[in-house]
């Protein structure tokens, strides 16, 4: 018969044990405590497709480390879905800026069609691309902003047009599953973009 040690362990002892247990972060290989692991992983961009299509925020895009220094995860292209979007690493990364406003009445389908050729060109060339708009990490709440309506809409539009998924709901579910793996909150296009993507799916 196996006897279990039922002696009481203080919460502070458990917390210290978690702090001492070290886990390796994906991409960077950095060792962090188990207690901080999910928080640190959530700060990376989201791998949406097969190690080449990533969804991120402005903080990911502004980080030279995340964009260019992680072996096997170096971005060759970046699609900035913001008006007057910046291109900080233009000498090393190929950029395209979509003049896209996060408003329900904005013509999203037109922008999806423009983005599709750029994104699919990256796939064909064997590169890696980050698609991003706004959002950043909030140290107070230890969460990344979910204000990625434009970038998520473009990525979902690409998934639909490339026949990776069928329909808006399937595209949204695909992105959610990818974000769940990174311990990230879900992102959603604004309601107008959702309606346009739903109509687009019926025409594909």
N, C-alpha and C. Protein backbone atom coordinates (compact mmCIF):
# COMPACT_ATOMS: atom_id res chain seq x y z
N UNK A 1 0.84 -1.20 0.00
CA UNK A 1 0.00 0.00 0.00
C UNK A 1 0.88 1.25 0.00
N UNK A 2 0.56 2.19 -0.92
CA UNK A 2 1.36 3.42 -1.02
C UNK A 2 0.83 4.45 -0.06
N UNK A 3 1.69 4.97 0.77
CA UNK A 3 1.30 6.02 1.72
C UNK A 3 1.69 7.37 1.14
N UNK A 4 0.74 8.31 1.12
CA UNK A 4 1.00 9.66 0.61
C UNK A 4 1.32 10.60 1.76
N UNK A 5 2.22 11.49 1.51
CA UNK A 5 2.58 12.48 2.52
C UNK A 5 1.52 13.56 2.54
N UNK A 6 0.73 13.59 3.58
CA UNK A 6 -0.37 14.56 3.68
C UNK A 6 -0.04 15.72 4.58
N UNK A 7 1.24 15.92 4.86
CA UNK A 7 1.61 17.03 5.74
C UNK A 7 1.31 18.33 5.03
N UNK A 8 0.83 19.35 5.76
CA UNK A 8 0.44 20.62 5.14
C UNK A 8 1.63 21.35 4.53
N UNK A 9 1.39 21.97 3.38
CA UNK A 9 2.40 22.79 2.71
C UNK A 9 1.84 24.19 2.56
N UNK A 10 2.55 25.18 2.96
CA UNK A 10 2.06 26.56 2.91
C UNK A 10 1.96 27.03 1.48
N UNK A 11 1.04 27.99 1.23
CA UNK A 11 0.88 28.55 -0.10
C UNK A 11 2.16 29.22 -0.57
N UNK A 12 2.87 29.85 0.36
CA UNK A 12 4.10 30.53 -0.02
C UNK A 12 5.15 29.53 -0.48
N UNK A 13 5.14 28.32 0.14
CA UNK A 13 6.08 27.29 -0.28
C UNK A 13 5.77 26.82 -1.69
N UNK A 14 4.45 26.64 -1.98
CA UNK A 14 4.04 26.25 -3.33
C UNK A 14 4.45 27.29 -4.36
N UNK A 15 4.24 28.55 -4.03
CA UNK A 15 4.59 29.64 -4.94
C UNK A 15 6.08 29.65 -5.22
N UNK A 16 6.88 29.43 -4.15
CA UNK A 16 8.34 29.42 -4.33
C UNK A 16 8.76 28.25 -5.21
N UNK A 17 8.09 27.11 -5.04
CA UNK A 17 8.41 25.94 -5.85
C UNK A 17 8.12 26.20 -7.32
N UNK A 18 6.99 26.90 -7.59
CA UNK A 18 6.66 27.23 -8.97
C UNK A 18 7.68 28.19 -9.56
N UNK A 19 8.13 29.14 -8.75
CA UNK A 19 9.12 30.10 -9.22
C UNK A 19 10.44 29.40 -9.57
N UNK A 20 10.76 28.34 -8.81
CA UNK A 20 12.02 27.64 -9.02
C UNK A 20 11.96 26.68 -10.20
N UNK A 21 10.76 26.21 -10.56
CA UNK A 21 10.62 25.29 -11.69
C UNK A 21 10.71 26.08 -12.99
N UNK A 22 11.75 25.79 -13.78
CA UNK A 22 12.02 26.58 -14.97
C UNK A 22 11.56 25.85 -16.24
N UNK A 23 10.89 26.61 -17.12
CA UNK A 23 10.42 26.08 -18.39
C UNK A 23 11.05 26.88 -19.52
N UNK A 24 11.28 26.20 -20.66
CA UNK A 24 11.90 26.86 -21.81
C UNK A 24 10.83 27.51 -22.70
N UNK A 25 11.02 28.78 -23.01
CA UNK A 25 10.10 29.48 -23.90
C UNK A 25 10.28 29.01 -25.34
N UNK A 26 9.19 28.91 -26.10
CA UNK A 26 9.33 28.64 -27.52
C UNK A 26 9.98 29.85 -28.20
N UNK A 27 10.57 29.63 -29.35
CA UNK A 27 11.20 30.68 -30.17
C UNK A 27 12.50 31.18 -29.56
N UNK A 28 12.44 31.79 -28.37
CA UNK A 28 13.65 32.38 -27.80
C UNK A 28 14.53 31.36 -27.11
N UNK A 29 13.92 30.30 -26.58
CA UNK A 29 14.68 29.30 -25.82
C UNK A 29 15.05 29.76 -24.42
N UNK A 30 14.60 30.94 -24.05
CA UNK A 30 14.90 31.47 -22.72
C UNK A 30 14.20 30.63 -21.65
N UNK A 31 14.89 30.46 -20.53
CA UNK A 31 14.31 29.73 -19.40
C UNK A 31 13.62 30.72 -18.46
N UNK A 32 12.34 30.45 -18.16
CA UNK A 32 11.59 31.30 -17.24
C UNK A 32 10.88 30.41 -16.22
N UNK A 33 10.47 30.99 -15.12
CA UNK A 33 9.77 30.20 -14.11
C UNK A 33 8.41 29.75 -14.64
N UNK A 34 7.96 28.60 -14.16
CA UNK A 34 6.65 28.08 -14.55
C UNK A 34 5.57 29.12 -14.28
N UNK A 35 5.72 29.87 -13.22
CA UNK A 35 4.74 30.87 -12.82
C UNK A 35 4.56 31.94 -13.88
N UNK A 36 5.64 32.29 -14.60
CA UNK A 36 5.60 33.35 -15.60
C UNK A 36 5.49 32.83 -17.04
N UNK A 37 5.47 31.52 -17.22
CA UNK A 37 5.55 30.93 -18.55
C UNK A 37 4.42 31.38 -19.48
N UNK A 38 3.18 31.22 -19.06
CA UNK A 38 2.05 31.56 -19.93
C UNK A 38 2.05 33.04 -20.30
N UNK A 39 2.37 33.88 -19.33
CA UNK A 39 2.41 35.32 -19.58
C UNK A 39 3.45 35.66 -20.64
N UNK A 40 4.62 35.04 -20.53
CA UNK A 40 5.70 35.34 -21.49
C UNK A 40 5.38 34.80 -22.87
N UNK A 41 4.81 33.60 -22.95
CA UNK A 41 4.46 33.02 -24.25
C UNK A 41 3.41 33.88 -24.95
N UNK A 42 2.47 34.43 -24.18
CA UNK A 42 1.37 35.21 -24.77
C UNK A 42 1.85 36.49 -25.44
N UNK A 43 3.08 36.90 -25.17
CA UNK A 43 3.59 38.13 -25.76
C UNK A 43 4.12 37.94 -27.18
N UNK A 44 4.32 36.69 -27.59
CA UNK A 44 4.75 36.43 -28.96
C UNK A 44 3.59 36.63 -29.93
N UNK A 45 3.90 36.73 -31.20
CA UNK A 45 2.85 36.74 -32.23
C UNK A 45 2.24 35.35 -32.32
N UNK A 46 1.09 35.26 -32.98
CA UNK A 46 0.35 34.01 -33.10
C UNK A 46 0.68 33.32 -34.43
N UNK A 47 1.15 32.08 -34.36
CA UNK A 47 1.40 31.32 -35.58
C UNK A 47 0.06 30.80 -36.10
N UNK A 48 -0.37 31.30 -37.24
CA UNK A 48 -1.68 30.95 -37.79
C UNK A 48 -1.59 29.80 -38.79
N UNK A 49 -0.53 29.80 -39.60
CA UNK A 49 -0.39 28.76 -40.62
C UNK A 49 1.03 28.24 -40.73
N UNK A 50 1.23 26.99 -40.50
CA UNK A 50 2.40 26.21 -40.93
C UNK A 50 3.76 26.89 -40.78
N UNK A 51 3.94 27.69 -39.74
CA UNK A 51 5.25 28.29 -39.51
C UNK A 51 5.63 29.41 -40.44
N UNK A 52 4.65 30.00 -41.14
CA UNK A 52 5.01 31.12 -42.04
C UNK A 52 4.06 32.31 -41.94
N UNK A 53 2.81 32.12 -41.49
CA UNK A 53 1.85 33.23 -41.37
C UNK A 53 1.57 33.51 -39.91
N UNK A 54 1.86 34.73 -39.49
CA UNK A 54 1.73 35.12 -38.08
C UNK A 54 0.82 36.35 -37.95
N UNK A 55 0.04 36.34 -36.88
CA UNK A 55 -0.83 37.47 -36.53
C UNK A 55 -0.27 38.12 -35.28
N UNK A 56 -0.10 39.44 -35.31
CA UNK A 56 0.49 40.09 -34.15
C UNK A 56 -0.05 41.47 -33.90
N UNK A 57 0.63 42.16 -33.00
CA UNK A 57 0.24 43.52 -32.65
C UNK A 57 1.39 44.48 -32.93
N UNK A 58 1.18 45.74 -32.60
CA UNK A 58 2.19 46.76 -32.90
C UNK A 58 3.48 46.53 -32.13
N UNK A 59 3.36 45.97 -30.94
CA UNK A 59 4.55 45.70 -30.12
C UNK A 59 5.41 44.60 -30.75
N UNK A 60 4.76 43.55 -31.24
CA UNK A 60 5.51 42.50 -31.95
C UNK A 60 6.26 43.09 -33.14
N UNK A 61 5.57 43.92 -33.91
CA UNK A 61 6.14 44.48 -35.13
C UNK A 61 7.28 45.44 -34.87
N UNK A 62 7.29 46.08 -33.69
CA UNK A 62 8.32 47.07 -33.37
C UNK A 62 9.54 46.44 -32.71
N UNK A 63 9.47 45.15 -32.41
CA UNK A 63 10.56 44.47 -31.72
C UNK A 63 11.54 43.87 -32.72
N UNK A 64 12.75 44.37 -32.76
CA UNK A 64 13.76 43.81 -33.66
C UNK A 64 14.09 42.37 -33.26
N UNK A 65 13.97 42.08 -31.98
CA UNK A 65 14.25 40.72 -31.50
C UNK A 65 13.22 39.75 -32.05
N UNK A 66 11.93 40.08 -31.90
CA UNK A 66 10.89 39.18 -32.37
C UNK A 66 10.84 39.09 -33.89
N UNK A 67 11.16 40.18 -34.55
CA UNK A 67 11.05 40.20 -36.01
C UNK A 67 12.24 39.54 -36.70
N UNK A 68 13.44 39.64 -36.10
CA UNK A 68 14.61 39.27 -36.87
C UNK A 68 15.63 38.37 -36.18
N UNK A 69 15.46 38.09 -34.89
CA UNK A 69 16.56 37.43 -34.18
C UNK A 69 16.29 36.01 -33.68
N UNK A 70 15.04 35.55 -33.73
CA UNK A 70 14.76 34.20 -33.27
C UNK A 70 14.98 33.21 -34.41
N UNK A 71 15.93 32.32 -34.26
CA UNK A 71 16.26 31.36 -35.30
C UNK A 71 15.04 30.50 -35.64
N UNK A 72 14.70 30.46 -36.93
CA UNK A 72 13.54 29.71 -37.38
C UNK A 72 12.26 30.51 -37.35
N UNK A 73 12.33 31.73 -36.82
CA UNK A 73 11.14 32.59 -36.72
C UNK A 73 11.44 34.00 -37.22
N UNK A 74 12.41 34.15 -38.09
CA UNK A 74 12.77 35.47 -38.62
C UNK A 74 11.79 35.87 -39.72
N UNK A 75 11.18 37.02 -39.56
CA UNK A 75 10.21 37.50 -40.54
C UNK A 75 10.92 38.07 -41.76
N UNK A 76 10.44 37.71 -42.92
CA UNK A 76 10.96 38.28 -44.16
C UNK A 76 10.05 39.39 -44.68
N UNK A 77 8.76 39.35 -44.26
CA UNK A 77 7.77 40.31 -44.73
C UNK A 77 6.89 40.76 -43.57
N UNK A 78 6.29 41.92 -43.73
CA UNK A 78 5.37 42.45 -42.72
C UNK A 78 4.25 43.21 -43.42
N UNK A 79 3.01 42.87 -43.05
CA UNK A 79 1.84 43.58 -43.57
C UNK A 79 1.26 44.41 -42.44
N UNK A 80 1.40 45.73 -42.57
CA UNK A 80 0.92 46.66 -41.55
C UNK A 80 -0.47 47.14 -41.95
N UNK A 81 -1.46 46.84 -41.14
CA UNK A 81 -2.85 47.15 -41.48
C UNK A 81 -3.33 48.43 -40.81
N UNK A 82 -2.48 49.42 -40.71
CA UNK A 82 -2.84 50.70 -40.09
C UNK A 82 -2.57 51.84 -41.07
N UNK A 83 -3.42 52.85 -41.00
CA UNK A 83 -3.17 54.06 -41.77
C UNK A 83 -1.82 54.65 -41.34
N UNK A 84 -1.01 55.05 -42.31
CA UNK A 84 0.30 55.64 -42.01
C UNK A 84 1.16 54.71 -41.16
N UNK A 85 1.05 53.40 -41.41
CA UNK A 85 1.80 52.41 -40.63
C UNK A 85 3.29 52.58 -40.81
N UNK A 86 4.04 52.29 -39.75
CA UNK A 86 5.49 52.44 -39.78
C UNK A 86 6.16 51.20 -40.37
N UNK A 87 7.38 51.39 -40.86
CA UNK A 87 8.17 50.30 -41.44
C UNK A 87 9.58 50.37 -40.85
N UNK A 88 9.74 50.02 -39.56
CA UNK A 88 10.99 50.27 -38.85
C UNK A 88 12.21 49.49 -39.32
N UNK A 89 12.02 48.35 -39.97
CA UNK A 89 13.16 47.52 -40.38
C UNK A 89 13.18 47.33 -41.90
N UNK A 90 12.92 48.43 -42.58
CA UNK A 90 12.71 48.39 -44.03
C UNK A 90 13.90 47.82 -44.79
N UNK A 91 15.09 47.98 -44.28
CA UNK A 91 16.27 47.46 -44.96
C UNK A 91 16.38 45.95 -44.89
N UNK A 92 15.70 45.35 -43.91
CA UNK A 92 15.81 43.91 -43.69
C UNK A 92 14.52 43.15 -43.97
N UNK A 93 13.40 43.84 -43.93
CA UNK A 93 12.10 43.20 -44.08
C UNK A 93 11.31 43.92 -45.18
N UNK A 94 10.60 43.16 -45.99
CA UNK A 94 9.77 43.75 -47.04
C UNK A 94 8.40 44.08 -46.46
N UNK A 95 7.99 45.34 -46.60
CA UNK A 95 6.74 45.82 -46.01
C UNK A 95 5.68 46.12 -47.05
N UNK A 96 4.44 46.00 -46.61
CA UNK A 96 3.30 46.56 -47.33
C UNK A 96 2.38 47.18 -46.29
N UNK A 97 1.93 48.39 -46.55
CA UNK A 97 1.04 49.09 -45.62
C UNK A 97 -0.34 49.20 -46.25
N UNK A 98 -1.34 48.65 -45.58
CA UNK A 98 -2.72 48.77 -46.04
C UNK A 98 -3.34 50.01 -45.42
N UNK A 99 -3.97 50.82 -46.23
CA UNK A 99 -4.64 52.01 -45.70
C UNK A 99 -6.04 51.60 -45.25
N UNK A 100 -6.06 50.98 -44.07
CA UNK A 100 -7.28 50.37 -43.56
C UNK A 100 -7.69 51.01 -42.24
N UNK A 101 -8.93 51.50 -42.19
CA UNK A 101 -9.48 52.12 -40.98
C UNK A 101 -10.39 51.11 -40.28
N UNK A 102 -10.30 51.06 -38.97
CA UNK A 102 -11.11 50.10 -38.20
C UNK A 102 -12.52 50.65 -37.99
N UNK A 103 -13.24 50.75 -39.09
CA UNK A 103 -14.63 51.22 -39.07
C UNK A 103 -15.50 50.19 -39.79
N UNK A 104 -16.69 49.90 -39.27
CA UNK A 104 -17.56 48.88 -39.87
C UNK A 104 -17.87 49.12 -41.34
N UNK A 105 -17.92 50.41 -41.76
CA UNK A 105 -18.28 50.73 -43.14
C UNK A 105 -17.09 50.67 -44.10
N UNK A 106 -15.89 50.47 -43.58
CA UNK A 106 -14.70 50.40 -44.43
C UNK A 106 -14.82 49.23 -45.41
N UNK A 107 -14.34 49.44 -46.64
CA UNK A 107 -14.40 48.38 -47.66
C UNK A 107 -13.32 47.35 -47.38
N UNK A 108 -13.65 46.37 -46.55
CA UNK A 108 -12.67 45.36 -46.16
C UNK A 108 -12.31 44.43 -47.30
N UNK A 109 -13.30 44.03 -48.10
CA UNK A 109 -13.05 43.05 -49.17
C UNK A 109 -11.99 43.57 -50.14
N UNK A 110 -12.04 44.84 -50.46
CA UNK A 110 -11.03 45.44 -51.34
C UNK A 110 -9.64 45.26 -50.74
N UNK A 111 -9.52 45.47 -49.44
CA UNK A 111 -8.23 45.35 -48.77
C UNK A 111 -7.79 43.89 -48.65
N UNK A 112 -8.74 42.99 -48.47
CA UNK A 112 -8.42 41.56 -48.43
C UNK A 112 -7.83 41.13 -49.77
N UNK A 113 -8.41 41.60 -50.85
CA UNK A 113 -7.91 41.25 -52.19
C UNK A 113 -6.50 41.77 -52.41
N UNK A 114 -6.23 42.99 -51.93
CA UNK A 114 -4.88 43.55 -52.05
C UNK A 114 -3.91 42.74 -51.20
N UNK A 115 -4.31 42.43 -49.99
CA UNK A 115 -3.44 41.71 -49.06
C UNK A 115 -3.17 40.29 -49.52
N UNK A 116 -4.16 39.68 -50.17
CA UNK A 116 -4.04 38.27 -50.56
C UNK A 116 -2.80 38.04 -51.43
N UNK A 117 -2.61 38.87 -52.43
CA UNK A 117 -1.48 38.68 -53.35
C UNK A 117 -0.15 38.82 -52.61
N UNK A 118 -0.08 39.78 -51.69
CA UNK A 118 1.15 40.00 -50.93
C UNK A 118 1.44 38.81 -50.02
N UNK A 119 0.42 38.37 -49.28
CA UNK A 119 0.60 37.25 -48.35
C UNK A 119 0.91 35.97 -49.10
N UNK A 120 0.18 35.71 -50.17
CA UNK A 120 0.41 34.46 -50.89
C UNK A 120 1.76 34.45 -51.59
N UNK A 121 2.25 35.63 -51.94
CA UNK A 121 3.59 35.71 -52.51
C UNK A 121 4.64 35.26 -51.50
N UNK A 122 4.40 35.59 -50.23
CA UNK A 122 5.32 35.17 -49.17
C UNK A 122 5.31 33.64 -49.06
N UNK A 123 4.12 33.07 -49.10
CA UNK A 123 4.00 31.61 -49.04
C UNK A 123 4.77 30.95 -50.18
N UNK A 124 4.60 31.47 -51.37
CA UNK A 124 5.25 30.88 -52.54
C UNK A 124 6.77 31.02 -52.49
N UNK A 125 7.25 32.08 -51.87
CA UNK A 125 8.69 32.32 -51.80
C UNK A 125 9.36 31.60 -50.64
N UNK A 126 8.55 30.99 -49.75
CA UNK A 126 9.11 30.30 -48.60
C UNK A 126 9.49 31.24 -47.46
N UNK A 127 8.92 32.46 -47.46
CA UNK A 127 9.23 33.42 -46.41
C UNK A 127 8.30 33.30 -45.21
N UNK A 128 8.40 34.27 -44.34
CA UNK A 128 7.55 34.35 -43.15
C UNK A 128 7.01 35.76 -43.05
N UNK A 129 5.74 35.89 -42.67
CA UNK A 129 5.12 37.21 -42.63
C UNK A 129 4.35 37.45 -41.34
N UNK A 130 4.50 38.65 -40.82
CA UNK A 130 3.69 39.11 -39.68
C UNK A 130 2.63 40.06 -40.22
N UNK A 131 1.37 39.78 -39.91
CA UNK A 131 0.25 40.68 -40.22
C UNK A 131 -0.17 41.33 -38.92
N UNK A 132 -0.16 42.65 -38.87
CA UNK A 132 -0.46 43.30 -37.60
C UNK A 132 -1.20 44.62 -37.79
N UNK A 133 -1.81 45.08 -36.71
CA UNK A 133 -2.37 46.44 -36.66
C UNK A 133 -2.02 47.02 -35.30
N UNK A 134 -3.01 47.31 -34.46
CA UNK A 134 -2.73 47.91 -33.16
C UNK A 134 -2.52 46.84 -32.10
N UNK A 135 -2.50 47.32 -30.84
CA UNK A 135 -2.39 46.40 -29.72
C UNK A 135 -0.98 46.33 -29.17
N UNK A 136 -0.89 46.13 -27.87
CA UNK A 136 0.40 45.99 -27.22
C UNK A 136 0.22 45.28 -25.89
N UNK A 137 1.32 44.90 -25.26
CA UNK A 137 1.28 44.22 -23.98
C UNK A 137 1.03 45.23 -22.86
N UNK A 138 0.11 44.89 -21.96
CA UNK A 138 -0.21 45.75 -20.82
C UNK A 138 0.37 45.12 -19.56
N UNK A 139 1.44 45.67 -19.00
CA UNK A 139 2.07 45.06 -17.83
C UNK A 139 1.17 45.09 -16.59
N UNK A 140 0.23 46.02 -16.55
CA UNK A 140 -0.66 46.11 -15.38
C UNK A 140 -1.60 44.91 -15.30
N UNK A 141 -2.15 44.52 -16.46
CA UNK A 141 -3.08 43.39 -16.50
C UNK A 141 -2.40 42.09 -16.94
N UNK A 142 -1.14 42.21 -17.37
CA UNK A 142 -0.39 41.06 -17.89
C UNK A 142 -1.12 40.37 -19.03
N UNK A 143 -1.68 41.18 -19.91
CA UNK A 143 -2.37 40.65 -21.09
C UNK A 143 -2.00 41.50 -22.29
N UNK A 144 -2.14 40.90 -23.47
CA UNK A 144 -1.93 41.64 -24.71
C UNK A 144 -3.27 42.17 -25.20
N UNK A 145 -3.28 43.36 -25.73
CA UNK A 145 -4.50 43.96 -26.23
C UNK A 145 -5.12 43.10 -27.31
N UNK A 146 -6.45 43.04 -27.29
CA UNK A 146 -7.15 42.28 -28.32
C UNK A 146 -7.69 43.20 -29.41
N UNK A 147 -7.22 44.44 -29.45
CA UNK A 147 -7.67 45.38 -30.47
C UNK A 147 -6.92 45.14 -31.77
N UNK A 148 -7.19 43.99 -32.37
CA UNK A 148 -6.54 43.62 -33.62
C UNK A 148 -7.59 43.31 -34.67
N UNK A 149 -8.62 44.15 -34.71
CA UNK A 149 -9.75 43.94 -35.61
C UNK A 149 -9.31 43.87 -37.06
N UNK A 150 -8.47 44.81 -37.47
CA UNK A 150 -8.07 44.88 -38.88
C UNK A 150 -7.18 43.71 -39.29
N UNK A 151 -6.14 43.47 -38.50
CA UNK A 151 -5.21 42.39 -38.84
C UNK A 151 -5.90 41.03 -38.82
N UNK A 152 -6.74 40.80 -37.82
CA UNK A 152 -7.43 39.51 -37.75
C UNK A 152 -8.39 39.35 -38.93
N UNK A 153 -9.04 40.43 -39.34
CA UNK A 153 -9.95 40.37 -40.49
C UNK A 153 -9.20 40.02 -41.77
N UNK A 154 -8.02 40.60 -41.96
CA UNK A 154 -7.22 40.32 -43.14
C UNK A 154 -6.75 38.87 -43.14
N UNK A 155 -6.29 38.39 -41.99
CA UNK A 155 -5.83 37.01 -41.90
C UNK A 155 -6.98 36.04 -42.16
N UNK A 156 -8.14 36.32 -41.59
CA UNK A 156 -9.30 35.44 -41.83
C UNK A 156 -9.72 35.47 -43.29
N UNK A 157 -9.64 36.65 -43.90
CA UNK A 157 -9.95 36.76 -45.31
C UNK A 157 -9.00 35.94 -46.16
N UNK A 158 -7.72 35.95 -45.79
CA UNK A 158 -6.74 35.15 -46.52
C UNK A 158 -7.04 33.66 -46.37
N UNK A 159 -7.35 33.23 -45.15
CA UNK A 159 -7.67 31.82 -44.91
C UNK A 159 -8.83 31.37 -45.80
N UNK A 160 -9.83 32.23 -45.93
CA UNK A 160 -11.00 31.90 -46.74
C UNK A 160 -10.67 31.87 -48.23
N UNK A 161 -9.98 32.90 -48.72
CA UNK A 161 -9.67 32.98 -50.15
C UNK A 161 -8.70 31.89 -50.60
N UNK A 162 -7.82 31.49 -49.71
CA UNK A 162 -6.85 30.45 -50.06
C UNK A 162 -7.41 29.05 -49.88
N UNK A 163 -8.68 28.99 -49.47
CA UNK A 163 -9.39 27.71 -49.32
C UNK A 163 -8.84 26.87 -48.16
N UNK A 164 -8.13 27.52 -47.23
CA UNK A 164 -7.66 26.79 -46.05
C UNK A 164 -8.84 26.43 -45.15
N UNK A 165 -9.84 27.28 -45.14
CA UNK A 165 -11.06 27.02 -44.37
C UNK A 165 -12.25 27.43 -45.23
N UNK A 166 -13.43 27.01 -44.84
CA UNK A 166 -14.64 27.37 -45.57
C UNK A 166 -15.56 28.18 -44.66
N UNK A 167 -15.69 29.45 -44.96
CA UNK A 167 -16.61 30.30 -44.22
C UNK A 167 -15.96 31.10 -43.11
N UNK A 168 -16.64 32.18 -42.74
CA UNK A 168 -16.10 33.08 -41.72
C UNK A 168 -15.98 32.40 -40.36
N UNK A 169 -16.98 31.64 -39.96
CA UNK A 169 -16.94 30.99 -38.64
C UNK A 169 -15.76 30.03 -38.53
N UNK A 170 -15.49 29.32 -39.60
CA UNK A 170 -14.36 28.39 -39.60
C UNK A 170 -13.03 29.15 -39.51
N UNK A 171 -12.95 30.30 -40.21
CA UNK A 171 -11.73 31.12 -40.17
C UNK A 171 -11.51 31.67 -38.76
N UNK A 172 -12.60 32.16 -38.15
CA UNK A 172 -12.50 32.70 -36.79
C UNK A 172 -12.10 31.61 -35.81
N UNK A 173 -12.63 30.41 -35.98
CA UNK A 173 -12.31 29.29 -35.10
C UNK A 173 -10.84 28.89 -35.26
N UNK A 174 -10.35 28.94 -36.49
CA UNK A 174 -8.95 28.61 -36.76
C UNK A 174 -8.02 29.57 -36.02
N UNK A 175 -8.32 30.86 -36.10
CA UNK A 175 -7.49 31.86 -35.42
C UNK A 175 -7.59 31.71 -33.91
N UNK A 176 -8.78 31.45 -33.40
CA UNK A 176 -8.96 31.27 -31.95
C UNK A 176 -8.14 30.08 -31.44
N UNK A 177 -8.16 28.99 -32.17
CA UNK A 177 -7.40 27.80 -31.78
C UNK A 177 -5.90 28.11 -31.72
N UNK A 178 -5.43 28.87 -32.71
CA UNK A 178 -4.02 29.24 -32.73
C UNK A 178 -3.66 30.13 -31.55
N UNK A 179 -4.55 31.05 -31.19
CA UNK A 179 -4.29 31.94 -30.06
C UNK A 179 -4.39 31.20 -28.74
N UNK A 180 -5.29 30.24 -28.65
CA UNK A 180 -5.39 29.44 -27.43
C UNK A 180 -4.05 28.74 -27.13
N UNK A 181 -3.38 28.27 -28.17
CA UNK A 181 -2.10 27.59 -27.99
C UNK A 181 -1.04 28.52 -27.40
N UNK A 182 -1.21 29.82 -27.64
CA UNK A 182 -0.24 30.81 -27.14
C UNK A 182 -0.74 31.50 -25.88
N UNK A 183 -1.82 30.97 -25.27
CA UNK A 183 -2.40 31.54 -24.04
C UNK A 183 -2.84 32.99 -24.25
N UNK A 184 -3.35 33.28 -25.45
CA UNK A 184 -3.77 34.64 -25.80
C UNK A 184 -5.29 34.73 -25.86
N UNK A 185 -5.80 35.91 -25.52
CA UNK A 185 -7.23 36.14 -25.63
C UNK A 185 -7.62 36.17 -27.11
N UNK A 186 -8.86 35.84 -27.38
CA UNK A 186 -9.32 35.82 -28.75
C UNK A 186 -9.40 37.24 -29.32
N UNK A 187 -9.28 37.35 -30.62
CA UNK A 187 -9.45 38.64 -31.31
C UNK A 187 -10.57 38.49 -32.33
N UNK A 188 -11.26 39.57 -32.58
CA UNK A 188 -12.36 39.54 -33.52
C UNK A 188 -12.41 40.81 -34.35
N UNK A 189 -12.71 40.68 -35.63
CA UNK A 189 -12.96 41.87 -36.45
C UNK A 189 -14.20 42.60 -35.94
N UNK A 190 -14.31 43.89 -36.24
CA UNK A 190 -15.51 44.62 -35.83
C UNK A 190 -16.73 44.03 -36.56
N UNK A 191 -17.93 44.38 -36.12
CA UNK A 191 -19.13 43.73 -36.63
C UNK A 191 -19.33 43.94 -38.13
N UNK A 192 -18.91 45.10 -38.63
CA UNK A 192 -19.02 45.36 -40.07
C UNK A 192 -18.10 44.46 -40.87
N UNK A 193 -16.88 44.27 -40.36
CA UNK A 193 -15.93 43.38 -41.03
C UNK A 193 -16.44 41.94 -41.01
N UNK A 194 -17.04 41.54 -39.89
CA UNK A 194 -17.58 40.19 -39.80
C UNK A 194 -18.66 39.96 -40.87
N UNK A 195 -19.52 40.95 -41.03
CA UNK A 195 -20.59 40.83 -42.03
C UNK A 195 -20.01 40.74 -43.45
N UNK A 196 -18.98 41.55 -43.72
CA UNK A 196 -18.38 41.53 -45.05
C UNK A 196 -17.67 40.21 -45.32
N UNK A 197 -17.03 39.66 -44.30
CA UNK A 197 -16.35 38.37 -44.47
C UNK A 197 -17.36 37.24 -44.68
N UNK A 198 -18.49 37.33 -43.99
CA UNK A 198 -19.54 36.34 -44.17
C UNK A 198 -20.08 36.36 -45.59
N UNK A 199 -20.29 37.57 -46.13
CA UNK A 199 -20.78 37.70 -47.50
C UNK A 199 -19.71 37.25 -48.50
N UNK A 200 -18.46 37.56 -48.21
CA UNK A 200 -17.37 37.15 -49.09
C UNK A 200 -17.30 35.62 -49.19
N UNK A 201 -17.46 34.96 -48.06
CA UNK A 201 -17.40 33.50 -48.03
C UNK A 201 -18.44 32.86 -48.96
N UNK A 202 -19.59 33.48 -49.07
CA UNK A 202 -20.66 32.94 -49.91
C UNK A 202 -20.32 33.07 -51.40
N UNK A 203 -19.42 34.00 -51.73
CA UNK A 203 -19.06 34.20 -53.13
C UNK A 203 -17.84 33.38 -53.55
N UNK A 204 -17.15 32.82 -52.59
CA UNK A 204 -15.92 32.08 -52.92
C UNK A 204 -16.24 30.65 -53.38
